[in-house]
Amino acid sequence: MEMKTRHAVVAGAFYSASKEEIESMLDKFLKNVPNIRLEKELKALIVPHAGYIYSGQVAAYAYSLLKNSKKQKIILLGPSHSVYLNDIAADANDYWETPLGKVKLIQNNFLKSKEAHINEHCLEVQVPFLQTILKDFEILPLVVGDAAPKEISEKIINLLGNNTILIISSDLSHYQPYDMAVETDKNTIKAIQDLDYDKMEKKGDACGKIPIMVLIDIANKLNWKPKLLNYKNSGDVTGDKSGVVGYASFAFY
């Protein structure tokens, strides 16, 4: 039976199409991260998904925690940017390929949709980070649309094990002036830190709001604790503060 592969669609746009340039950039980002200690075992991450030049350093704070990790199964959950969904969808391919090589997809029972994944960037940009840090792993990429977070969390809890990590892909507020964005993002970050599902639902501002709500629900059920690792917005990187996008990375343990 022929194995089907999803080839990278945002290499050369959100990150370099050159293997050497990706490795050099990610190595630099990871070296800039101070030593972070968690009280207990890492269970989940929230990471941004903009172009690496904008949000790669923030994402590196989260991915640095996977160094020396034995995790072999990575569940990736992010928002659908290009296709309307009222459910959650896995990819119909068997492998994903980036300039750093191929990664095998985990067999699963979710609805399969090539269309939901073919042009989606939010999960693809996570894969080179994983390929840089982990040696032997498989991924389950899932995109979610206008779906019920607590129904999704039940499905994902059943997949979690000692060798699994859940990675939520989300940016924060979009295109507000700098000071307004920082204030908006503070409220969203506080909702995540407090594991406040209702506050996140009503006042949280994030493109991956439903995936974050899924994680908050799981964390409340499994007694996971969140830790903010890093926060910046595009204005901190580019100097243009007229309309910025917010980025935060969290660890859950």
Protein backbone atom coordinates (compact mmCIF):
# COMPACT_ATOMS: atom_id res chain seq x y z
CA MET A 1 0.00 0.00 0.00
CA GLU A 2 1.41 3.38 -1.03
CA MET A 3 2.36 5.72 1.81
CA LYS A 4 1.03 9.26 1.34
CA THR A 5 3.09 12.32 2.33
CA ARG A 6 2.09 15.92 3.04
CA HIS A 7 4.92 18.12 1.78
CA ALA A 8 5.74 21.41 3.50
CA VAL A 9 3.66 24.31 2.19
CA VAL A 10 5.01 27.22 4.26
CA ALA A 11 8.74 26.44 4.04
CA GLY A 12 10.25 29.51 2.38
CA ALA A 13 7.52 31.71 3.90
CA PHE A 14 6.98 31.10 7.64
CA TYR A 15 10.43 29.55 7.94
CA SER A 16 13.36 28.93 5.63
CA ALA A 17 13.26 26.27 2.92
CA SER A 18 16.95 25.61 3.61
CA LYS A 19 17.81 22.80 6.04
CA GLU A 20 21.01 24.60 7.08
CA GLU A 21 19.25 27.92 7.69
CA ILE A 22 16.50 26.27 9.76
CA GLU A 23 19.08 24.44 11.88
CA SER A 24 21.13 27.61 12.38
CA MET A 25 18.10 29.73 13.35
CA LEU A 26 16.61 27.19 15.75
CA ASP A 27 19.99 26.54 17.34
CA LYS A 28 20.36 30.28 17.99
CA PHE A 29 16.83 30.53 19.45
CA LEU A 30 17.38 27.55 21.76
CA LYS A 31 20.75 28.87 22.96
CA ASN A 32 19.05 32.12 23.97
CA VAL A 33 16.72 30.32 26.39
CA PRO A 34 17.77 30.29 30.07
CA ASN A 35 17.57 27.09 32.08
CA ILE A 36 13.91 26.51 33.04
CA ARG A 37 12.92 24.12 35.81
CA LEU A 38 9.48 22.56 36.25
CA GLU A 39 8.28 21.13 39.55
CA LYS A 40 6.94 17.97 37.92
CA GLU A 41 6.83 16.14 34.58
CA LEU A 42 6.02 18.15 31.45
CA LYS A 43 2.59 17.28 30.04
CA ALA A 44 1.69 20.00 27.52
CA LEU A 45 2.88 23.19 25.83
CA ILE A 46 1.25 26.25 24.31
CA VAL A 47 3.34 27.72 21.49
CA PRO A 48 2.84 30.46 18.88
CA HIS A 49 2.72 29.78 15.15
CA ALA A 50 3.79 32.93 13.32
CA GLY A 51 6.84 33.19 11.09
CA TYR A 52 9.99 32.14 12.92
CA ILE A 53 11.49 35.64 12.73
CA TYR A 54 8.51 36.94 14.72
CA SER A 55 7.61 34.18 17.19
CA GLY A 56 10.36 31.58 16.95
CA GLN A 57 12.21 32.82 20.03
CA VAL A 58 9.03 32.66 22.14
CA ALA A 59 8.34 29.14 20.88
CA ALA A 60 11.92 28.11 21.69
CA TYR A 61 11.26 28.70 25.40
CA ALA A 62 8.68 25.92 25.28
CA TYR A 63 10.58 23.56 23.01
CA SER A 64 13.73 23.81 25.13
CA LEU A 65 11.86 21.79 27.76
CA LEU A 66 11.80 18.79 25.40
CA LYS A 67 15.59 18.45 25.46
CA ASN A 68 16.48 14.97 26.76
CA SER A 69 12.77 14.09 26.66
CA LYS A 70 11.67 10.51 26.12
CA LYS A 71 8.33 11.62 24.65
CA GLN A 72 7.60 9.71 21.45
CA LYS A 73 4.01 10.68 20.65
CA ILE A 74 3.20 14.33 19.98
CA ILE A 75 -0.41 15.48 19.70
CA LEU A 76 -0.55 18.79 17.86
CA LEU A 77 -3.77 20.80 18.19
CA GLY A 78 -4.38 24.11 16.44
CA PRO A 79 -7.07 26.27 14.83
CA SER A 80 -8.17 25.88 11.23
CA HIS A 81 -7.23 29.07 9.37
CA SER A 82 -8.23 28.12 5.84
CA VAL A 83 -11.15 25.66 5.98
CA TYR A 84 -14.40 25.91 7.92
CA LEU A 85 -14.86 23.01 10.34
CA ASN A 86 -17.50 22.32 12.96
CA ASP A 87 -15.43 19.41 14.24
CA ILE A 88 -11.85 18.29 14.70
CA ALA A 89 -9.90 16.79 11.80
CA ALA A 90 -6.76 14.69 11.47
CA ASP A 91 -4.76 14.53 8.25
CA ALA A 92 -5.31 11.71 5.77
CA ASN A 93 -1.60 11.38 4.98
CA ASP A 94 0.85 8.90 6.49
CA TYR A 95 3.86 11.25 6.75
CA TRP A 96 4.64 14.96 6.96
CA GLU A 97 7.80 16.21 5.33
CA THR A 98 9.76 19.39 6.04
CA PRO A 99 13.24 20.41 4.83
CA LEU A 100 14.54 18.47 7.88
CA GLY A 101 13.01 15.17 6.76
CA LYS A 102 9.90 13.04 7.23
CA VAL A 103 7.82 12.40 10.34
CA LYS A 104 5.34 9.54 10.68
CA LEU A 105 1.74 10.24 11.67
CA ILE A 106 0.09 8.35 14.53
CA GLN A 107 -2.77 6.05 13.53
CA ASN A 108 -6.04 7.42 14.88
CA ASN A 109 -9.84 7.31 14.69
CA PHE A 110 -10.50 11.01 14.10
CA LEU A 111 -12.28 12.34 11.03
CA LYS A 112 -9.67 12.57 8.23
CA SER A 113 -9.42 15.65 6.02
CA LYS A 114 -6.58 16.43 3.65
CA GLU A 115 -8.31 19.73 2.82
CA ALA A 116 -8.17 20.92 6.43
CA HIS A 117 -4.40 20.39 6.58
CA ILE A 118 -3.12 20.98 3.06
CA ASN A 119 -2.63 24.76 3.42
CA GLU A 120 -2.62 25.02 7.22
CA HIS A 121 0.50 26.60 8.74
CA CYS A 122 -0.22 26.44 12.48
CA LEU A 123 0.93 22.84 12.95
CA GLU A 124 3.51 22.60 10.17
CA VAL A 125 5.67 25.31 11.76
CA GLN A 126 5.95 23.21 14.94
CA VAL A 127 7.48 20.21 13.18
CA PRO A 128 11.01 21.54 12.50
CA PHE A 129 11.30 22.45 16.20
CA LEU A 130 10.36 18.87 17.10
CA GLN A 131 12.74 17.45 14.51
CA THR A 132 15.56 19.56 15.95
CA ILE A 133 15.02 18.46 19.56
CA LEU A 134 13.52 14.95 19.51
CA LYS A 135 15.11 11.89 17.97
CA ASP A 136 12.38 9.29 17.57
CA PHE A 137 8.79 10.51 17.54
CA GLU A 138 5.45 10.44 15.73
CA ILE A 139 2.85 13.20 15.46
CA LEU A 140 -0.93 13.40 15.48
CA PRO A 141 -1.78 16.74 13.81
CA LEU A 142 -5.33 17.89 14.58
CA VAL A 143 -7.03 21.10 13.47
CA VAL A 144 -10.21 22.28 15.11
CA GLY A 145 -12.93 24.62 13.95
CA ASP A 146 -16.14 25.75 15.59
CA ALA A 147 -16.38 22.75 17.91
CA ALA A 148 -17.20 22.10 21.57
CA PRO A 149 -13.92 22.20 23.57
CA LYS A 150 -15.12 19.85 26.33
CA GLU A 151 -16.12 17.20 23.77
CA ILE A 152 -12.69 17.43 22.15
CA SER A 153 -10.92 17.25 25.51
CA GLU A 154 -12.63 13.92 26.27
CA LYS A 155 -11.31 12.49 23.00
CA ILE A 156 -7.78 13.74 23.65
CA ILE A 157 -7.61 12.64 27.30
CA ASN A 158 -8.09 9.06 26.06
CA LEU A 159 -4.90 9.38 23.98
CA LEU A 160 -2.64 10.75 26.70
CA GLY A 161 0.02 8.49 28.15
CA ASN A 162 3.44 8.64 29.78
CA ASN A 163 5.17 8.98 26.41
CA THR A 164 2.75 11.61 25.04
CA ILE A 165 2.90 15.39 24.99
CA LEU A 166 0.09 17.71 23.92
CA ILE A 167 1.13 20.85 22.02
CA ILE A 168 -1.38 23.65 21.51
CA SER A 169 -0.64 26.07 18.66
CA SER A 170 -1.99 29.60 19.12
CA ASP A 171 -1.06 33.24 18.74
CA LEU A 172 -2.73 35.82 20.98
CA SER A 173 -4.34 39.16 20.02
CA HIS A 174 -4.10 40.38 16.43
CA TYR A 175 -3.37 43.85 15.00
CA GLN A 176 -4.16 46.06 17.97
CA PRO A 177 -1.89 49.02 18.87
CA TYR A 178 1.00 47.92 21.10
CA ASP A 179 -0.25 49.08 24.53
CA MET A 180 -3.78 47.84 23.89
CA ALA A 181 -2.43 44.48 22.71
CA VAL A 182 -0.28 44.07 25.84
CA GLU A 183 -3.31 44.76 28.04
CA THR A 184 -5.52 42.36 26.06
CA ASP A 185 -2.86 39.65 26.15
CA LYS A 186 -2.39 40.10 29.91
CA ASN A 187 -6.05 39.18 30.39
CA THR A 188 -5.76 36.12 28.15
CA ILE A 189 -2.55 35.01 29.89
CA LYS A 190 -4.22 35.42 33.30
CA ALA A 191 -7.16 33.25 32.20
CA ILE A 192 -4.70 30.53 31.15
CA GLN A 193 -2.65 30.84 34.36
CA ASP A 194 -5.82 30.59 36.46
CA LEU A 195 -7.14 27.70 34.32
CA ASP A 196 -10.30 29.80 34.08
CA TYR A 197 -12.33 28.12 31.33
CA ASP A 198 -15.24 30.59 31.51
CA LYS A 199 -13.00 33.67 31.44
CA MET A 200 -11.08 32.24 28.48
CA GLU A 201 -14.35 31.57 26.68
CA LYS A 202 -15.77 35.05 27.31
CA LYS A 203 -12.72 37.31 27.26
CA GLY A 204 -9.77 35.36 25.90
CA ASP A 205 -8.30 36.75 22.68
CA ALA A 206 -6.40 34.11 20.72
CA CYS A 207 -6.71 32.54 17.28
CA GLY A 208 -6.34 29.13 18.94
CA LYS A 209 -8.92 29.95 21.61
CA ILE A 210 -10.80 26.65 21.30
CA PRO A 211 -7.59 24.56 21.43
CA ILE A 212 -6.51 26.54 24.52
CA MET A 213 -9.92 25.91 26.12
CA VAL A 214 -9.46 22.20 25.39
CA LEU A 215 -6.15 22.29 27.27
CA ILE A 216 -7.63 24.26 30.19
CA ASP A 217 -10.39 21.66 30.51
CA ILE A 218 -7.88 18.80 30.41
CA ALA A 219 -5.63 20.55 32.93
CA ASN A 220 -8.52 21.02 35.35
CA LYS A 221 -9.52 17.36 35.03
CA LEU A 222 -5.98 15.97 35.36
CA ASN A 223 -4.68 18.51 37.90
CA TRP A 224 -2.03 19.95 35.60
CA LYS A 225 -0.47 23.32 36.47
CA PRO A 226 0.49 26.05 33.94
CA LYS A 227 3.69 28.10 33.82
CA LEU A 228 4.15 31.15 31.59
CA LEU A 229 7.56 30.83 29.91
CA ASN A 230 7.78 33.88 27.66
CA TYR A 231 5.63 36.64 26.18
CA LYS A 232 6.37 39.09 23.37
CA ASN A 233 4.56 40.60 20.45
CA SER A 234 5.58 41.41 16.91
CA GLY A 235 6.22 45.04 17.92
CA ASP A 236 8.99 43.88 20.26
CA VAL A 237 10.67 42.17 17.31
CA THR A 238 10.11 44.58 14.43
CA GLY A 239 9.75 47.90 16.27
CA ASP A 240 6.46 48.59 14.43
CA LYS A 241 3.95 49.04 17.24
CA SER A 242 0.99 50.33 15.23
CA GLY A 243 -0.71 46.92 14.95
CA VAL A 244 0.90 43.90 16.60
CA VAL A 245 0.35 40.17 17.10
CA GLY A 246 0.88 38.65 20.54
CA TYR A 247 2.87 35.46 21.25
CA ALA A 248 3.17 33.46 24.47
CA SER A 249 4.61 30.10 25.42
CA PHE A 250 3.43 28.03 28.39
CA ALA A 251 4.36 24.72 29.96
CA PHE A 252 1.84 22.50 31.75
CA TYR A 253 3.08 19.96 34.28
